[in-house]
């Protein structure tokens, strides 16, 4: 795809590997080759990578936000920031220019997926991001990859009677039964309605975290890394497996400050 010298420079910049977008790592290279993604037309290439990250890297909590893509792949799970890093690395490794858009989200959307002391330890505003790709001459926002389909289906089944906006269990969306999470050449979202601050766009997650940091520090970071995230992942696993969920209605909006 040709363009102005400035557009060509931007495209080249947004295809580069970084410390976090380490798509030249042997494990990522092997995955790309095994899946044959580079041979696919652009639309199908994006969709295949997107579906892999959404559904084959299930929703869960890693050691920290600022992990390289190769570690996220090795972990085999992730959340908005870590799955986004893996998605970006695979896209760039397959010739799709992309950047990251940074935000914070209200922790209320995590309630249910995150409970008890883990919820109390979480900051009120949580560092969040989505991936933006240049497709068909425009920027397309990708956020709907965060929750894997089995987890999302469980929420949809449990809250089938709730209509309108939904906030909780890792989702903040106008319609839980029909969220825009499938790649169809347009924006995808699953947590967008929980955003409470916009940091703007960055060339890479490396640049984003260098400016705004990850979610926890100090004692809270130590507790999260060594204990809390394991409780959170067990809870998410129970939800995915069909554990009984609260019987009352979930919040329909983010609480305003």
Protein backbone atom coordinates (compact mmCIF):
# COMPACT_ATOMS: atom_id res chain seq x y z
CA UNK A 1 0.00 0.00 0.00
CA UNK A 2 1.58 3.28 -1.16
CA UNK A 3 1.02 6.71 0.34
CA UNK A 4 2.77 9.96 1.14
CA UNK A 5 6.34 9.79 2.47
CA UNK A 6 4.96 10.60 5.92
CA UNK A 7 2.42 7.75 5.73
CA UNK A 8 5.09 5.36 4.50
CA UNK A 9 7.38 6.35 7.38
CA UNK A 10 4.54 5.80 9.85
CA UNK A 11 3.74 2.40 8.36
CA UNK A 12 7.38 1.33 8.59
CA UNK A 13 7.58 2.55 12.20
CA UNK A 14 4.43 0.66 13.18
CA UNK A 15 5.81 -2.60 11.82
CA UNK A 16 8.99 -2.61 13.91
CA UNK A 17 9.69 -5.12 16.70
CA UNK A 18 10.27 -3.75 20.21
CA UNK A 19 11.28 -5.29 23.52
CA UNK A 20 7.62 -6.13 24.21
CA UNK A 21 6.56 -6.70 20.60
CA UNK A 22 9.18 -9.40 20.15
CA UNK A 23 7.69 -11.11 17.10
CA UNK A 24 11.13 -12.37 16.04
CA UNK A 25 11.19 -14.61 19.11
CA UNK A 26 11.43 -18.26 17.97
CA UNK A 27 8.13 -19.21 19.60
CA UNK A 28 6.21 -16.43 17.84
CA UNK A 29 7.92 -17.14 14.53
CA UNK A 30 7.06 -20.83 14.86
CA UNK A 31 3.42 -20.01 15.63
CA UNK A 32 3.12 -17.68 12.63
CA UNK A 33 4.64 -20.27 10.31
CA UNK A 34 2.53 -23.13 11.68
CA UNK A 35 -0.71 -21.18 11.24
CA UNK A 36 0.21 -19.96 7.77
CA UNK A 37 -1.03 -16.46 8.58
CA UNK A 38 1.36 -14.61 6.30
CA UNK A 39 -0.10 -16.39 3.25
CA UNK A 40 -3.66 -15.19 3.96
CA UNK A 41 -5.28 -12.12 2.36
CA UNK A 42 -5.17 -9.10 4.66
CA UNK A 43 -8.77 -9.29 5.94
CA UNK A 44 -8.53 -13.02 6.70
CA UNK A 45 -5.03 -12.60 8.15
CA UNK A 46 -6.25 -10.03 10.66
CA UNK A 47 -9.27 -12.15 11.54
CA UNK A 48 -7.28 -15.34 12.06
CA UNK A 49 -4.78 -13.63 14.37
CA UNK A 50 -7.57 -11.80 16.21
CA UNK A 51 -9.53 -15.02 16.79
CA UNK A 52 -6.40 -16.80 18.02
CA UNK A 53 -5.67 -14.14 20.63
CA UNK A 54 -9.30 -13.85 21.70
CA UNK A 55 -10.13 -17.54 22.05
CA UNK A 56 -6.88 -19.52 22.29
CA UNK A 57 -5.36 -17.15 24.85
CA UNK A 58 -8.20 -17.16 27.40
CA UNK A 59 -9.02 -14.26 29.68
CA UNK A 60 -6.89 -14.28 32.83
CA UNK A 61 -4.35 -12.31 34.81
CA UNK A 62 -0.60 -12.37 34.15
CA UNK A 63 2.28 -11.46 36.45
CA UNK A 64 2.26 -7.85 35.26
CA UNK A 65 1.06 -5.70 32.36
CA UNK A 66 4.41 -5.00 30.72
CA UNK A 67 5.28 -8.52 29.56
CA UNK A 68 6.79 -9.28 26.15
CA UNK A 69 4.48 -11.01 23.69
CA UNK A 70 6.51 -14.21 23.87
CA UNK A 71 5.84 -14.46 27.62
CA UNK A 72 2.12 -13.85 27.13
CA UNK A 73 2.08 -16.69 24.61
CA UNK A 74 3.95 -18.91 27.08
CA UNK A 75 1.52 -17.98 29.87
CA UNK A 76 -1.38 -19.02 27.66
CA UNK A 77 -3.72 -16.41 29.17
CA UNK A 78 -4.05 -12.65 29.39
CA UNK A 79 -6.13 -9.53 29.91
CA UNK A 80 -6.58 -6.33 27.92
CA UNK A 81 -2.99 -5.12 28.09
CA UNK A 82 -1.13 -8.41 27.79
CA UNK A 83 -3.39 -9.90 25.12
CA UNK A 84 -3.08 -6.59 23.28
CA UNK A 85 0.71 -6.88 23.31
CA UNK A 86 0.51 -10.38 21.86
CA UNK A 87 -2.02 -9.29 19.24
CA UNK A 88 0.19 -6.38 18.17
CA UNK A 89 3.29 -8.56 17.93
CA UNK A 90 1.54 -11.15 15.76
CA UNK A 91 -0.01 -8.47 13.56
CA UNK A 92 3.31 -6.71 13.02
CA UNK A 93 5.01 -10.03 12.41
CA UNK A 94 2.48 -10.60 9.63
CA UNK A 95 2.83 -7.16 8.06
CA UNK A 96 -0.14 -5.35 9.66
CA UNK A 97 0.81 -1.89 11.02
CA UNK A 98 -0.66 -1.25 14.46
CA UNK A 99 -0.42 1.01 17.47
CA UNK A 100 -1.78 1.05 21.03
CA UNK A 101 -4.35 3.43 22.53
CA UNK A 102 -4.02 3.88 26.28
CA UNK A 103 -6.76 4.57 28.81
CA UNK A 104 -7.85 3.86 32.33
CA UNK A 105 -11.04 1.99 33.15
CA UNK A 106 -13.11 2.02 36.32
CA UNK A 107 -12.45 -1.12 38.33
CA UNK A 108 -16.22 -1.61 38.71
CA UNK A 109 -16.27 -3.47 35.39
CA UNK A 110 -13.98 -6.12 36.92
CA UNK A 111 -16.29 -6.81 39.87
CA UNK A 112 -17.38 -10.43 39.83
CA UNK A 113 -14.32 -11.58 37.91
CA UNK A 114 -12.28 -9.96 40.68
CA UNK A 115 -13.64 -10.36 44.21
CA UNK A 116 -12.77 -9.90 47.88
CA UNK A 117 -9.31 -8.65 48.79
CA UNK A 118 -8.25 -8.67 45.15
CA UNK A 119 -10.97 -6.17 44.30
CA UNK A 120 -10.15 -4.01 47.31
CA UNK A 121 -6.45 -3.95 46.38
CA UNK A 122 -7.14 -2.83 42.81
CA UNK A 123 -6.78 0.90 42.10
CA UNK A 124 -10.04 2.72 41.32
CA UNK A 125 -8.79 3.42 37.80
CA UNK A 126 -7.00 0.56 36.05
CA UNK A 127 -4.55 0.98 33.16
CA UNK A 128 -6.28 -0.25 30.00
CA UNK A 129 -5.51 -0.34 26.30
CA UNK A 130 -6.78 -1.44 22.94
CA UNK A 131 -5.07 -2.07 19.63
CA UNK A 132 -5.55 0.10 16.55
CA UNK A 133 -4.79 -1.20 13.07
CA UNK A 134 -4.59 0.60 9.76
CA UNK A 135 -7.11 -1.21 7.55
CA UNK A 136 -8.84 -0.16 4.35
CA UNK A 137 -7.47 3.38 4.64
CA UNK A 138 -8.67 4.05 8.19
CA UNK A 139 -7.84 3.26 11.80
CA UNK A 140 -9.87 0.41 13.30
CA UNK A 141 -10.09 -0.13 17.07
CA UNK A 142 -9.73 -3.69 18.37
CA UNK A 143 -10.80 -4.32 21.97
CA UNK A 144 -13.23 -7.23 21.65
CA UNK A 145 -10.44 -9.81 21.90
CA UNK A 146 -10.17 -9.54 25.70
CA UNK A 147 -12.80 -12.09 26.75
CA UNK A 148 -12.61 -15.54 25.19
CA UNK A 149 -15.85 -16.90 23.74
CA UNK A 150 -16.39 -19.66 26.36
CA UNK A 151 -16.10 -17.11 29.18
CA UNK A 152 -18.32 -14.58 27.41
CA UNK A 153 -20.94 -17.22 26.61
CA UNK A 154 -21.11 -18.14 30.29
CA UNK A 155 -21.87 -14.51 31.18
CA UNK A 156 -24.47 -14.30 28.41
CA UNK A 157 -26.19 -17.45 29.67
CA UNK A 158 -26.21 -16.35 33.30
CA UNK A 159 -27.47 -12.84 32.55
CA UNK A 160 -29.73 -13.75 29.63
CA UNK A 161 -32.64 -11.88 31.17
CA UNK A 162 -30.80 -8.59 31.53
CA UNK A 163 -31.39 -6.08 28.76
CA UNK A 164 -29.43 -2.95 27.99
CA UNK A 165 -26.07 -1.89 29.37
CA UNK A 166 -23.99 -4.35 31.38
CA UNK A 167 -21.05 -3.67 33.67
CA UNK A 168 -19.15 -6.38 35.53
CA UNK A 169 -17.19 -9.63 35.24
CA UNK A 170 -14.69 -7.98 32.86
CA UNK A 171 -17.28 -6.51 30.49
CA UNK A 172 -18.71 -3.02 30.05
CA UNK A 173 -20.92 -2.97 26.99
CA UNK A 174 -24.28 -1.57 25.85
CA UNK A 175 -25.65 -5.07 25.11
CA UNK A 176 -24.10 -8.17 26.65
CA UNK A 177 -26.06 -10.47 24.36
CA UNK A 178 -24.76 -8.82 21.19
CA UNK A 179 -21.40 -7.14 21.89
CA UNK A 180 -19.30 -6.21 18.83
CA UNK A 181 -16.50 -8.71 19.45
CA UNK A 182 -16.14 -10.42 16.05
CA UNK A 183 -13.71 -9.23 13.38
CA UNK A 184 -15.79 -7.89 10.49
CA UNK A 185 -13.53 -5.09 9.31
CA UNK A 186 -14.84 -2.60 11.88
CA UNK A 187 -14.26 -1.62 15.52
CA UNK A 188 -14.66 -4.31 18.19
CA UNK A 189 -15.33 -3.58 21.86
CA UNK A 190 -16.09 -5.33 25.15
CA UNK A 191 -14.86 -2.92 27.89
CA UNK A 192 -15.19 0.46 26.16
CA UNK A 193 -18.06 1.68 28.33
CA UNK A 194 -15.83 1.43 31.41
CA UNK A 195 -13.25 3.96 30.17
CA UNK A 196 -12.77 6.94 32.46
CA UNK A 197 -9.59 8.54 31.08
CA UNK A 198 -7.94 8.71 27.64
CA UNK A 199 -4.13 8.83 27.39
CA UNK A 200 -4.04 8.91 23.57
CA UNK A 201 -2.16 6.74 21.09
CA UNK A 202 1.37 5.34 21.28
CA UNK A 203 3.55 3.54 18.75
CA UNK A 204 4.07 0.61 21.11
CA UNK A 205 3.12 -0.70 24.55
CA UNK A 206 6.75 -0.04 25.52
CA UNK A 207 6.19 3.68 24.97
CA UNK A 208 2.83 3.61 26.75
CA UNK A 209 4.16 1.93 29.91
CA UNK A 210 7.28 4.13 29.92
CA UNK A 211 4.96 7.14 30.15
CA UNK A 212 2.14 5.85 32.34
CA UNK A 213 3.43 2.73 34.11
CA UNK A 214 1.64 -0.52 34.88
CA UNK A 215 -1.20 -0.96 37.33
CA UNK A 216 0.47 -1.77 40.66
CA UNK A 217 3.64 -0.97 42.60
CA UNK A 218 5.21 -1.67 45.98
CA UNK A 219 3.50 -4.04 48.41
CA UNK A 220 0.34 -4.29 46.29
CA UNK A 221 2.43 -5.37 43.31
CA UNK A 222 4.18 -8.05 45.41
CA UNK A 223 0.89 -9.37 46.78
CA UNK A 224 -0.65 -9.44 43.32
CA UNK A 225 2.27 -11.25 41.72
CA UNK A 226 2.61 -13.89 44.41
CA UNK A 227 -0.92 -14.50 45.67
CA UNK A 228 -3.80 -12.38 44.41
CA UNK A 229 -3.58 -13.12 40.69
CA UNK A 230 -3.75 -16.86 41.40
CA UNK A 231 -7.02 -16.36 43.30
CA UNK A 232 -8.32 -14.21 40.45
CA UNK A 233 -7.43 -16.81 37.82
CA UNK A 234 -9.08 -19.57 39.82
CA UNK A 235 -12.23 -17.47 40.05
CA UNK A 236 -12.24 -16.74 36.30
CA UNK A 237 -11.72 -20.45 35.66
CA UNK A 238 -14.69 -21.33 37.85
CA UNK A 239 -16.88 -18.85 35.99
CA UNK A 240 -15.80 -20.27 32.64
CA UNK A 241 -16.51 -23.79 33.88
CA UNK A 242 -20.06 -22.89 34.89
CA UNK A 243 -19.81 -21.97 38.57
CA UNK A 244 -22.89 -20.46 40.17
CA UNK A 245 -22.90 -16.68 39.80
CA UNK A 246 -24.71 -14.06 41.91
CA UNK A 247 -28.47 -14.13 41.50
CA UNK A 248 -29.02 -10.39 41.61
CA UNK A 249 -28.82 -8.06 38.60
CA UNK A 250 -25.45 -6.70 37.61
CA UNK A 251 -24.81 -2.95 37.42
CA UNK A 252 -25.91 -1.42 34.14
CA UNK A 253 -23.49 1.51 34.27
CA UNK A 254 -20.13 2.49 35.70
CA UNK A 255 -20.56 4.43 38.97
CA UNK A 256 -19.77 8.08 38.33
CA UNK A 257 -17.42 9.90 40.67
